[in-house]
Structure formats: C-alpha cells, structure tokens
C-alpha atoms as a PDB file:
ATOM      1  CA  UNK A   1       0.084  11.604  -1.321  1.00  0.00           C
ATOM      2  CA  UNK A   2      -3.447  12.231  -2.526  1.00  0.00           C
ATOM      3  CA  UNK A   3      -5.140  14.937  -0.527  1.00  0.00           C
ATOM      4  CA  UNK A   4      -8.532  13.888  -1.852  1.00  0.00           C
ATOM      5  CA  UNK A   5      -8.321  10.399  -0.338  1.00  0.00           C
ATOM      6  CA  UNK A   6      -8.355  11.421   3.314  1.00  0.00           C
ATOM      7  CA  UNK A   7     -11.278  12.745   5.307  1.00  0.00           C
ATOM      8  CA  UNK A   8     -10.243  16.374   5.728  1.00  0.00           C
ATOM      9  CA  UNK A   9     -10.973  18.145   8.999  1.00  0.00           C
ATOM     10  CA  UNK A  10     -11.864  21.816   9.005  1.00  0.00           C
ATOM     11  CA  UNK A  11      -9.601  23.780  11.341  1.00  0.00           C
ATOM     12  CA  UNK A  12     -10.789  27.290  10.428  1.00  0.00           C
ATOM     13  CA  UNK A  13     -13.247  28.951   8.075  1.00  0.00           C
ATOM     14  CA  UNK A  14     -14.063  32.490   7.012  1.00  0.00           C
ATOM     15  CA  UNK A  15     -16.193  34.228   4.408  1.00  0.00           C
ATOM     16  CA  UNK A  16     -16.201  37.762   3.048  1.00  0.00           C
ATOM     17  CA  UNK A  17     -17.760  39.168  -0.101  1.00  0.00           C
ATOM     18  CA  UNK A  18     -18.468  35.772  -1.603  1.00  0.00           C
ATOM     19  CA  UNK A  19     -14.933  34.480  -0.932  1.00  0.00           C
ATOM     20  CA  UNK A  20     -14.920  31.349   1.237  1.00  0.00           C
ATOM     21  CA  UNK A  21     -11.608  30.252   2.781  1.00  0.00           C
ATOM     22  CA  UNK A  22     -11.036  26.990   4.642  1.00  0.00           C
ATOM     23  CA  UNK A  23      -7.990  25.708   6.497  1.00  0.00           C
ATOM     24  CA  UNK A  24      -8.084  21.921   6.277  1.00  0.00           C
ATOM     25  CA  UNK A  25      -6.043  19.168   7.904  1.00  0.00           C
ATOM     26  CA  UNK A  26      -5.712  15.832   6.079  1.00  0.00           C
ATOM     27  CA  UNK A  27      -4.854  13.270   8.790  1.00  0.00           C
ATOM     28  CA  UNK A  28      -3.911  10.442   6.392  1.00  0.00           C
ATOM     29  CA  UNK A  29      -0.896  12.397   5.188  1.00  0.00           C
ATOM     30  CA  UNK A  30      -0.696  14.863   8.087  1.00  0.00           C
ATOM     31  CA  UNK A  31      -0.988  17.639   5.482  1.00  0.00           C
ATOM     32  CA  UNK A  32      -2.529  21.109   5.605  1.00  0.00           C
ATOM     33  CA  UNK A  33      -4.305  22.875   2.766  1.00  0.00           C
ATOM     34  CA  UNK A  34      -6.041  26.192   2.284  1.00  0.00           C
ATOM     35  CA  UNK A  35      -9.092  25.990   0.059  1.00  0.00           C
ATOM     36  CA  UNK A  36     -10.451  29.167  -1.554  1.00  0.00           C
ATOM     37  CA  UNK A  37     -13.745  29.508  -3.434  1.00  0.00           C
ATOM     38  CA  UNK A  38     -15.117  32.649  -5.073  1.00  0.00           C
ATOM     39  CA  UNK A  39     -18.837  31.927  -5.288  1.00  0.00           C
ATOM     40  CA  UNK A  40     -19.476  35.006  -7.442  1.00  0.00           C
ATOM     41  CA  UNK A  41     -16.981  34.091 -10.160  1.00  0.00           C
ATOM     42  CA  UNK A  42     -17.167  30.321  -9.691  1.00  0.00           C
ATOM     43  CA  UNK A  43     -13.399  30.062  -9.255  1.00  0.00           C
ATOM     44  CA  UNK A  44     -11.628  27.927  -6.687  1.00  0.00           C
ATOM     45  CA  UNK A  45      -8.152  26.725  -5.820  1.00  0.00           C
ATOM     46  CA  UNK A  46      -6.339  24.788  -3.116  1.00  0.00           C
ATOM     47  CA  UNK A  47      -2.845  25.308  -1.744  1.00  0.00           C
ATOM     48  CA  UNK A  48      -0.723  22.826   0.170  1.00  0.00           C
ATOM     49  CA  UNK A  49       0.865  24.757   3.030  1.00  0.00           C
ATOM     50  CA  UNK A  50       3.592  24.125   5.576  1.00  0.00           C
ATOM     51  CA  UNK A  51       2.416  24.033   9.202  1.00  0.00           C
ATOM     52  CA  UNK A  52       4.394  27.143  10.113  1.00  0.00           C
ATOM     53  CA  UNK A  53       2.762  29.102   7.249  1.00  0.00           C
ATOM     54  CA  UNK A  54      -0.793  27.773   7.562  1.00  0.00           C
ATOM     55  CA  UNK A  55      -2.385  30.747   9.338  1.00  0.00           C
ATOM     56  CA  UNK A  56      -0.585  33.229   7.114  1.00  0.00           C
ATOM     57  CA  UNK A  57      -1.864  31.389   4.026  1.00  0.00           C
ATOM     58  CA  UNK A  58      -5.362  31.164   5.546  1.00  0.00           C
ATOM     59  CA  UNK A  59      -5.592  34.924   6.161  1.00  0.00           C
ATOM     60  CA  UNK A  60      -3.812  35.931   2.917  1.00  0.00           C
ATOM     61  CA  UNK A  61      -4.451  33.119   0.395  1.00  0.00           C
ATOM     62  CA  UNK A  62      -4.167  35.250  -2.752  1.00  0.00           C
ATOM     63  CA  UNK A  63      -0.861  36.782  -1.682  1.00  0.00           C
ATOM     64  CA  UNK A  64       0.431  33.350  -0.669  1.00  0.00           C
ATOM     65  CA  UNK A  65      -0.614  31.858  -4.026  1.00  0.00           C
ATOM     66  CA  UNK A  66       1.074  34.701  -5.924  1.00  0.00           C
ATOM     67  CA  UNK A  67       4.241  34.271  -3.861  1.00  0.00           C
ATOM     68  CA  UNK A  68       4.300  30.565  -4.610  1.00  0.00           C
ATOM     69  CA  UNK A  69       4.067  31.295  -8.341  1.00  0.00           C
ATOM     70  CA  UNK A  70       7.122  33.559  -8.125  1.00  0.00           C
ATOM     71  CA  UNK A  71       9.283  30.984  -6.320  1.00  0.00           C
ATOM     72  CA  UNK A  72      11.934  29.420  -8.547  1.00  0.00           C
ATOM     73  CA  UNK A  73      11.380  25.861  -9.622  1.00  0.00           C
ATOM     74  CA  UNK A  74      13.997  23.277 -10.469  1.00  0.00           C
ATOM     75  CA  UNK A  75      13.592  20.961 -13.393  1.00  0.00           C
ATOM     76  CA  UNK A  76      15.166  17.785 -12.057  1.00  0.00           C
ATOM     77  CA  UNK A  77      16.004  16.450 -15.512  1.00  0.00           C
ATOM     78  CA  UNK A  78      17.971  19.590 -16.311  1.00  0.00           C
ATOM     79  CA  UNK A  79      19.763  19.415 -12.959  1.00  0.00           C
ATOM     80  CA  UNK A  80      20.727  15.787 -13.564  1.00  0.00           C
ATOM     81  CA  UNK A  81      22.517  16.686 -16.788  1.00  0.00           C
ATOM     82  CA  UNK A  82      25.812  18.354 -15.940  1.00  0.00           C
ATOM     83  CA  UNK A  83      27.970  19.122 -18.956  1.00  0.00           C
ATOM     84  CA  UNK A  84      31.297  17.364 -18.930  1.00  0.00           C
ATOM     85  CA  UNK A  85      34.227  19.638 -18.247  1.00  0.00           C
ATOM     86  CA  UNK A  86      37.687  18.749 -19.393  1.00  0.00           C
ATOM     87  CA  UNK A  87      40.119  18.303 -16.506  1.00  0.00           C
ATOM     88  CA  UNK A  88      42.420  21.245 -15.883  1.00  0.00           C
ATOM     89  CA  UNK A  89      46.028  20.596 -16.809  1.00  0.00           C
END
C-alpha cells in the first residue's frame, strides 16, 4: 500500500511552537497516519497508526515514534531458518 497515492483527508490538525501535527486518513487503503513537521528545524516524519491508537499518536507523536523504535522487530529470513535438531532417542 502506498500512502502517497491516495488523496489524504485531514481529520485533525494542531500547531504549537513551530511543530505542526496532522492526523490523516487515506481512503484508498483505509489507513491512518500522523504527520509531524518542525518548521524551525526543517524536520518531518510520518507514522502509520492503528485506528485505536490514532488520537494517542496525534497528541503524543514523539513519544509514539520513540515507542515504535523500541518495539522488537522480527527478521523473517532469520525466523525461517530453524536449525535442525537431532531426534531424541
């Protein structure tokens, strides 16, 4: 799913101290994102969020982004390789 291909609809917006936060719905994929832009530093990022976490991510995008970085990830190729174990006798 490419979030850039759909016409996003703004569900909520806020601004404070040069930080702009948008909650966007992408109808083509029925996906939600939170977009953050720091106009002072020129930094920006976007997070895909689950519907039940959307408002939490909207109001606390930096904490949500940091939490997502701490979540464990699974390398599928490593998970596919299971060492062979000799049968117990």
